[in-house]
Amino acid sequence: AEGSADTAVLSPMAVDPGYIPFIREQVAKVDLFIPFIDEEIDQLLRHDDEKIWEKCLLPEPVTTKVCLYKDEFQAFCTENGLPVAPSVESDETGLPAVFKPRLGRGGKGVEVIRSIQGLREKRTQKGVVQQFIPGDEYTIDALFSKDHDLLRISARQRDMASGVSTIGTITDPEPFL
């Protein structure tokens, strides 16, 4: 039927050296490529292959880069006056703070920093150090058309297990619009 998938293919892990060659081979055979995890998208950005991006269900690479890497997203939001947790710039203020690695999903590598020494250590790593804001955490998924039109959003409250969000509870997206 038109609009449905005929087949699905299991690819190598994104960190596997064979991932990009495999995707290049597969993309010639498909109408649409849907990467699911941050590590895949990171590899696609590193290789910047126009033939892959033409069939990829992602925004253009420059937009994808801003949205994928936490340091770039923090800078974009700050520069454009969008709400984002403030960066912690000084050792004397801003504790507790939160460190988020440049690339990561599900809370992996996220740490609450409670000491000046911890703050100094995290500043040597790639990522962002933000003011800690207590409360419920949500993630927003957005689906855009190739013409950059917003098609749908989904809001999920992040449910934690051992400090890592493995699943989320879908919530009403209306308050986030």
C-alpha atoms as a PDB file:
ATOM      1  CA  ALA A   1       0.000   0.000   0.000  1.00  0.00           C
ATOM      2  CA  GLU A   2       1.144   3.506  -0.696  1.00  0.00           C
ATOM      3  CA  GLY A   3       2.657   5.212   2.332  1.00  0.00           C
ATOM      4  CA  SER A   4       3.654   2.052   4.192  1.00  0.00           C
ATOM      5  CA  ALA A   5       7.065   0.466   4.643  1.00  0.00           C
ATOM      6  CA  ASP A   6       7.814  -2.633   2.569  1.00  0.00           C
ATOM      7  CA  THR A   7      10.843  -3.734   4.567  1.00  0.00           C
ATOM      8  CA  ALA A   8      13.122  -2.774   7.405  1.00  0.00           C
ATOM      9  CA  VAL A   9      16.865  -3.416   7.584  1.00  0.00           C
ATOM     10  CA  LEU A  10      19.032  -3.818  10.671  1.00  0.00           C
ATOM     11  CA  SER A  11      22.190  -1.733  10.385  1.00  0.00           C
ATOM     12  CA  PRO A  12      25.528  -1.999  12.172  1.00  0.00           C
ATOM     13  CA  MET A  13      25.869   0.048  15.359  1.00  0.00           C
ATOM     14  CA  ALA A  14      26.545   3.729  14.656  1.00  0.00           C
ATOM     15  CA  VAL A  15      29.998   3.515  16.248  1.00  0.00           C
ATOM     16  CA  ASP A  16      30.941   0.605  13.956  1.00  0.00           C
ATOM     17  CA  PRO A  17      33.311   1.663  11.126  1.00  0.00           C
ATOM     18  CA  GLY A  18      30.978  -0.113   8.698  1.00  0.00           C
ATOM     19  CA  TYR A  19      27.949   2.001   9.629  1.00  0.00           C
ATOM     20  CA  ILE A  20      28.333   4.815   7.076  1.00  0.00           C
ATOM     21  CA  PRO A  21      29.309   2.515   4.158  1.00  0.00           C
ATOM     22  CA  PHE A  22      26.295   0.319   5.005  1.00  0.00           C
ATOM     23  CA  ILE A  23      23.964   3.338   5.091  1.00  0.00           C
ATOM     24  CA  ARG A  24      25.370   4.631   1.776  1.00  0.00           C
ATOM     25  CA  GLU A  25      24.610   1.267   0.195  1.00  0.00           C
ATOM     26  CA  GLN A  26      21.116   1.047   1.678  1.00  0.00           C
ATOM     27  CA  VAL A  27      20.055   4.620   0.936  1.00  0.00           C
ATOM     28  CA  ALA A  28      20.328   3.905  -2.794  1.00  0.00           C
ATOM     29  CA  LYS A  29      17.594   1.272  -2.347  1.00  0.00           C
ATOM     30  CA  VAL A  30      15.090   3.186  -0.216  1.00  0.00           C
ATOM     31  CA  ASP A  31      12.711   6.119  -0.380  1.00  0.00           C
ATOM     32  CA  LEU A  32      13.214   7.240   3.215  1.00  0.00           C
ATOM     33  CA  PHE A  33      15.894   6.787   5.878  1.00  0.00           C
ATOM     34  CA  ILE A  34      14.908   7.309   9.524  1.00  0.00           C
ATOM     35  CA  PRO A  35      17.819   7.479  11.994  1.00  0.00           C
ATOM     36  CA  PHE A  36      16.623   6.906  15.544  1.00  0.00           C
ATOM     37  CA  ILE A  37      19.445   7.608  17.976  1.00  0.00           C
ATOM     38  CA  ASP A  38      21.839  10.475  18.604  1.00  0.00           C
ATOM     39  CA  GLU A  39      24.933   8.396  17.830  1.00  0.00           C
ATOM     40  CA  GLU A  40      23.599   7.658  14.329  1.00  0.00           C
ATOM     41  CA  ILE A  41      22.855  11.313  13.708  1.00  0.00           C
ATOM     42  CA  ASP A  42      26.310  12.263  14.994  1.00  0.00           C
ATOM     43  CA  GLN A  43      27.911   9.908  12.449  1.00  0.00           C
ATOM     44  CA  LEU A  44      25.759  11.313   9.655  1.00  0.00           C
ATOM     45  CA  LEU A  45      26.857  14.844  10.541  1.00  0.00           C
ATOM     46  CA  ARG A  46      30.525  13.811  10.661  1.00  0.00           C
ATOM     47  CA  HIS A  47      30.347  12.344   7.150  1.00  0.00           C
ATOM     48  CA  ASP A  48      28.053  15.019   5.641  1.00  0.00           C
ATOM     49  CA  ASP A  49      26.954  12.874   2.689  1.00  0.00           C
ATOM     50  CA  GLU A  50      24.415  14.789   0.570  1.00  0.00           C
ATOM     51  CA  LYS A  51      22.915  11.605  -0.936  1.00  0.00           C
ATOM     52  CA  ILE A  52      22.098  10.304   2.543  1.00  0.00           C
ATOM     53  CA  TRP A  53      20.617  13.621   3.691  1.00  0.00           C
ATOM     54  CA  GLU A  54      18.307  13.792   0.659  1.00  0.00           C
ATOM     55  CA  LYS A  55      16.451  10.712   1.936  1.00  0.00           C
ATOM     56  CA  CYS A  56      16.972  11.280   5.634  1.00  0.00           C
ATOM     57  CA  LEU A  57      14.053  12.219   7.869  1.00  0.00           C
ATOM     58  CA  LEU A  58      15.972  15.001   9.614  1.00  0.00           C
ATOM     59  CA  PRO A  59      16.169  18.756   9.188  1.00  0.00           C
ATOM     60  CA  GLU A  60      19.033  20.148   7.137  1.00  0.00           C
ATOM     61  CA  PRO A  61      22.466  19.447   8.677  1.00  0.00           C
ATOM     62  CA  VAL A  62      22.984  22.936  10.146  1.00  0.00           C
ATOM     63  CA  THR A  63      19.683  22.698  12.070  1.00  0.00           C
ATOM     64  CA  THR A  64      20.329  19.105  13.089  1.00  0.00           C
ATOM     65  CA  LYS A  65      23.747  20.081  14.448  1.00  0.00           C
ATOM     66  CA  VAL A  66      22.288  22.840  16.612  1.00  0.00           C
ATOM     67  CA  CYS A  67      19.618  20.526  17.976  1.00  0.00           C
ATOM     68  CA  LEU A  68      21.861  17.497  18.557  1.00  0.00           C
ATOM     69  CA  TYR A  69      24.833  18.976  20.393  1.00  0.00           C
ATOM     70  CA  LYS A  70      23.968  20.429  23.789  1.00  0.00           C
ATOM     71  CA  ASP A  71      26.650  23.126  23.697  1.00  0.00           C
ATOM     72  CA  GLU A  72      25.447  24.357  20.305  1.00  0.00           C
ATOM     73  CA  PHE A  73      21.821  24.272  21.457  1.00  0.00           C
ATOM     74  CA  GLN A  74      22.690  26.243  24.622  1.00  0.00           C
ATOM     75  CA  ALA A  75      24.515  28.883  22.558  1.00  0.00           C
ATOM     76  CA  PHE A  76      21.697  29.093  19.973  1.00  0.00           C
ATOM     77  CA  CYS A  77      19.021  29.566  22.637  1.00  0.00           C
ATOM     78  CA  THR A  78      21.073  32.155  24.511  1.00  0.00           C
ATOM     79  CA  GLU A  79      21.919  34.123  21.347  1.00  0.00           C
ATOM     80  CA  ASN A  80      18.285  34.113  20.193  1.00  0.00           C
ATOM     81  CA  GLY A  81      16.648  34.951  23.522  1.00  0.00           C
ATOM     82  CA  LEU A  82      14.991  31.535  23.883  1.00  0.00           C
ATOM     83  CA  PRO A  83      14.369  30.063  27.322  1.00  0.00           C
ATOM     84  CA  VAL A  84      17.134  27.690  28.437  1.00  0.00           C
ATOM     85  CA  ALA A  85      18.707  26.894  31.788  1.00  0.00           C
ATOM     86  CA  PRO A  86      21.389  29.545  32.364  1.00  0.00           C
ATOM     87  CA  SER A  87      25.039  28.544  31.998  1.00  0.00           C
ATOM     88  CA  VAL A  88      27.117  28.485  35.159  1.00  0.00           C
ATOM     89  CA  GLU A  89      30.153  30.618  34.384  1.00  0.00           C
ATOM     90  CA  SER A  90      31.725  31.231  37.789  1.00  0.00           C
ATOM     91  CA  ASP A  91      33.179  28.897  40.406  1.00  0.00           C
ATOM     92  CA  GLU A  92      31.732  31.054  43.165  1.00  0.00           C
ATOM     93  CA  THR A  93      28.100  31.007  42.040  1.00  0.00           C
ATOM     94  CA  GLY A  94      25.623  28.680  40.508  1.00  0.00           C
ATOM     95  CA  LEU A  95      25.911  25.593  42.701  1.00  0.00           C
ATOM     96  CA  PRO A  96      24.344  23.167  42.543  1.00  0.00           C
ATOM     97  CA  ALA A  97      24.793  22.936  38.792  1.00  0.00           C
ATOM     98  CA  VAL A  98      24.161  20.270  36.169  1.00  0.00           C
ATOM     99  CA  PHE A  99      26.702  18.955  33.671  1.00  0.00           C
ATOM    100  CA  LYS A 100      25.343  17.567  30.396  1.00  0.00           C
ATOM    101  CA  PRO A 101      27.768  15.984  27.914  1.00  0.00           C
ATOM    102  CA  ARG A 102      27.853  17.466  24.406  1.00  0.00           C
ATOM    103  CA  LEU A 103      26.244  14.354  22.945  1.00  0.00           C
ATOM    104  CA  GLY A 104      23.995  12.046  24.876  1.00  0.00           C
ATOM    105  CA  ARG A 105      20.494  10.798  25.362  1.00  0.00           C
ATOM    106  CA  GLY A 106      18.340   9.521  28.159  1.00  0.00           C
ATOM    107  CA  GLY A 107      20.275  11.342  30.848  1.00  0.00           C
ATOM    108  CA  LYS A 108      23.471   9.363  30.221  1.00  0.00           C
ATOM    109  CA  GLY A 109      26.465  11.267  31.563  1.00  0.00           C
ATOM    110  CA  VAL A 110      24.332  13.970  33.207  1.00  0.00           C
ATOM    111  CA  GLU A 111      25.612  14.840  36.691  1.00  0.00           C
ATOM    112  CA  VAL A 112      24.551  17.212  39.433  1.00  0.00           C
ATOM    113  CA  ILE A 113      27.600  19.170  40.583  1.00  0.00           C
ATOM    114  CA  ARG A 114      27.671  20.281  44.199  1.00  0.00           C
ATOM    115  CA  SER A 115      31.298  21.388  44.705  1.00  0.00           C
ATOM    116  CA  ILE A 116      33.634  23.942  43.187  1.00  0.00           C
ATOM    117  CA  GLN A 117      36.137  21.150  42.501  1.00  0.00           C
ATOM    118  CA  GLY A 118      33.461  19.169  40.623  1.00  0.00           C
ATOM    119  CA  LEU A 119      32.573  22.280  38.655  1.00  0.00           C
ATOM    120  CA  ARG A 120      36.210  22.821  37.649  1.00  0.00           C
ATOM    121  CA  GLU A 121      36.570  19.182  36.559  1.00  0.00           C
ATOM    122  CA  LYS A 122      33.464  19.244  34.375  1.00  0.00           C
ATOM    123  CA  ARG A 123      34.520  22.467  32.657  1.00  0.00           C
ATOM    124  CA  THR A 124      37.392  20.531  31.041  1.00  0.00           C
ATOM    125  CA  GLN A 125      34.913  18.187  29.322  1.00  0.00           C
ATOM    126  CA  LYS A 126      32.828  18.858  26.215  1.00  0.00           C
ATOM    127  CA  GLY A 127      29.298  19.736  27.212  1.00  0.00           C
ATOM    128  CA  VAL A 128      27.357  22.361  29.120  1.00  0.00           C
ATOM    129  CA  VAL A 129      27.265  23.341  32.763  1.00  0.00           C
ATOM    130  CA  GLN A 130      23.873  24.775  33.629  1.00  0.00           C
ATOM    131  CA  GLN A 131      22.082  26.066  36.690  1.00  0.00           C
ATOM    132  CA  PHE A 132      20.282  23.199  38.437  1.00  0.00           C
ATOM    133  CA  ILE A 133      16.521  23.707  38.228  1.00  0.00           C
ATOM    134  CA  PRO A 134      14.529  21.280  40.377  1.00  0.00           C
ATOM    135  CA  GLY A 135      11.257  19.871  39.077  1.00  0.00           C
ATOM    136  CA  ASP A 136       9.864  17.533  36.465  1.00  0.00           C
ATOM    137  CA  GLU A 137      11.835  17.185  33.264  1.00  0.00           C
ATOM    138  CA  TYR A 138      10.213  16.969  29.854  1.00  0.00           C
ATOM    139  CA  THR A 139      11.544  16.238  26.426  1.00  0.00           C
ATOM    140  CA  ILE A 140       9.855  17.494  23.299  1.00  0.00           C
ATOM    141  CA  ASP A 141      10.028  15.598  20.028  1.00  0.00           C
ATOM    142  CA  ALA A 142       9.171  17.564  16.903  1.00  0.00           C
ATOM    143  CA  LEU A 143       8.462  16.212  13.433  1.00  0.00           C
ATOM    144  CA  PHE A 144       9.057  18.622  10.553  1.00  0.00           C
ATOM    145  CA  SER A 145       8.450  18.283   6.827  1.00  0.00           C
ATOM    146  CA  LYS A 146      11.299  18.595   4.332  1.00  0.00           C
ATOM    147  CA  ASP A 147       9.935  22.130   3.752  1.00  0.00           C
ATOM    148  CA  HIS A 148      10.614  22.877   7.458  1.00  0.00           C
ATOM    149  CA  ASP A 149       6.931  22.945   8.419  1.00  0.00           C
ATOM    150  CA  LEU A 150       6.138  21.684  11.924  1.00  0.00           C
ATOM    151  CA  LEU A 151       3.936  18.612  11.494  1.00  0.00           C
ATOM    152  CA  ARG A 152       3.594  17.300  15.047  1.00  0.00           C
ATOM    153  CA  ILE A 153       5.089  17.535  18.521  1.00  0.00           C
ATOM    154  CA  SER A 154       5.071  15.033  21.308  1.00  0.00           C
ATOM    155  CA  ALA A 155       5.851  15.927  24.910  1.00  0.00           C
ATOM    156  CA  ARG A 156       7.171  13.275  27.270  1.00  0.00           C
ATOM    157  CA  GLN A 157       7.800  13.560  30.966  1.00  0.00           C
ATOM    158  CA  ARG A 158      11.127  11.832  31.540  1.00  0.00           C
ATOM    159  CA  ASP A 159      10.865   8.825  33.830  1.00  0.00           C
ATOM    160  CA  MET A 160      14.124   7.966  35.547  1.00  0.00           C
ATOM    161  CA  ALA A 161      15.686   4.624  36.369  1.00  0.00           C
ATOM    162  CA  SER A 162      19.098   4.726  38.069  1.00  0.00           C
ATOM    163  CA  GLY A 163      19.632   8.313  36.910  1.00  0.00           C
ATOM    164  CA  VAL A 164      18.991   7.504  33.248  1.00  0.00           C
ATOM    165  CA  SER A 165      15.715   8.167  31.480  1.00  0.00           C
ATOM    166  CA  THR A 166      14.793   4.939  29.748  1.00  0.00           C
ATOM    167  CA  ILE A 167      11.204   5.793  28.942  1.00  0.00           C
ATOM    168  CA  GLY A 168       8.877   8.730  29.116  1.00  0.00           C
ATOM    169  CA  THR A 169       5.232   9.252  29.889  1.00  0.00           C
ATOM    170  CA  ILE A 170       3.481  10.998  27.005  1.00  0.00           C
ATOM    171  CA  THR A 171       1.802  14.197  28.146  1.00  0.00           C
ATOM    172  CA  ASP A 172      -0.418  16.828  26.559  1.00  0.00           C
ATOM    173  CA  PRO A 173       1.810  18.933  24.294  1.00  0.00           C
ATOM    174  CA  GLU A 174      -0.520  21.969  24.462  1.00  0.00           C
ATOM    175  CA  PRO A 175       1.334  23.718  27.356  1.00  0.00           C
ATOM    176  CA  PHE A 176       4.551  23.557  25.316  1.00  0.00           C
ATOM    177  CA  LEU A 177       3.201  25.220  22.188  1.00  0.00           C
END
